Protein backbone atom coordinates (compact mmCIF):
# COMPACT_ATOMS: atom_id res chain seq x y z
CA MET A 1 9.83 -37.19 7.25
CA ASN A 2 10.60 -37.95 3.90
CA ASN A 3 10.79 -35.02 0.54
CA GLN A 4 6.85 -36.18 -0.35
CA GLU A 5 5.72 -34.96 3.06
CA TRP A 6 6.90 -31.62 3.00
CA GLU A 7 6.25 -31.31 -0.95
CA GLU A 8 2.75 -31.88 0.09
CA LEU A 9 2.14 -29.53 2.42
CA TYR A 10 3.95 -26.86 0.51
CA LEU A 11 1.53 -27.62 -2.00
CA LEU A 12 -1.49 -27.09 0.53
CA ALA A 13 -0.31 -23.88 1.34
CA THR A 14 0.24 -22.42 -1.70
CA THR A 15 -3.42 -23.12 -2.67
CA GLU A 16 -4.89 -22.20 0.53
CA VAL A 17 -7.62 -19.95 -0.40
CA ASP A 18 -8.28 -18.47 2.87
CA GLY A 19 -5.49 -16.08 3.85
CA ARG A 20 -6.21 -16.52 7.68
CA ARG A 21 -5.00 -20.24 7.36
CA VAL A 22 -1.83 -19.54 5.82
CA PRO A 23 0.21 -18.44 8.47
CA GLU A 24 -0.47 -22.20 10.15
CA ARG A 25 -0.12 -24.02 6.57
CA VAL A 26 3.57 -22.04 6.39
CA ALA A 27 4.06 -23.05 9.92
CA ALA A 28 3.45 -26.41 9.00
CA VAL A 29 5.74 -26.65 6.18
CA ARG A 30 8.58 -24.90 7.93
CA GLU A 31 8.20 -27.26 10.47
CA ALA A 32 8.50 -29.91 7.97
CA ILE A 33 11.53 -28.45 6.24
CA ARG A 34 13.28 -28.60 9.39
CA ALA A 35 12.80 -31.88 10.25
CA ARG A 36 13.49 -33.15 6.43
CA LEU A 37 16.81 -30.89 6.86
CA GLN A 38 17.51 -32.66 10.33
CA ASP A 39 16.91 -36.09 8.69
CA LEU A 40 19.41 -35.16 5.82
CA GLU A 41 22.12 -33.93 8.05
CA THR A 42 24.48 -36.80 8.15
CA SER A 43 23.54 -37.73 4.63
CA SER A 44 26.58 -36.21 1.47
CA ASP A 45 23.49 -37.32 -0.98
CA HIS A 46 20.16 -35.39 -1.70
CA HIS A 47 21.98 -32.13 -3.16
CA GLU A 48 19.00 -31.47 -5.36
CA GLU A 49 16.47 -31.48 -2.66
CA ARG A 50 18.43 -29.19 -0.12
CA VAL A 51 18.44 -27.15 -2.94
CA ARG A 52 14.54 -27.45 -3.29
CA LEU A 53 13.92 -27.03 0.21
CA ALA A 54 16.18 -23.79 0.42
CA SER A 55 14.43 -22.28 -2.52
CA THR A 56 10.91 -23.48 -0.77
CA LEU A 57 11.73 -21.53 2.47
CA LYS A 58 12.36 -18.48 0.20
CA ARG A 59 8.92 -18.75 -1.55
CA LEU A 60 7.52 -19.31 1.82
CA GLY A 61 8.76 -15.75 3.05
CA TRP A 62 6.66 -14.32 -0.27
CA LEU A 63 4.27 -16.32 0.23
CA GLU A 64 3.52 -15.18 4.16
CA VAL A 65 3.84 -11.00 2.68
CA GLU A 66 1.38 -11.84 0.27
CA ALA A 67 -1.40 -13.49 2.81
CA GLN A 68 -0.80 -10.52 4.54
CA LYS A 69 -2.29 -8.16 2.14
CA TRP A 70 -5.16 -10.44 2.01
């Protein structure tokens, strides 16, 4: 998994207009982030990406809450 893949999935989740589909989009992003973090486990580089990953996980929580209101 590369950083572009999880970012593309995140973009799809944040632009989803059907609130019923948001949970599946969010789940896909979370799985992609989990895989990317696993890829980065043995690397000391990629600090900026790790920060973006953590930030994205927080925003996904917000997106899930908002989607429940739709």
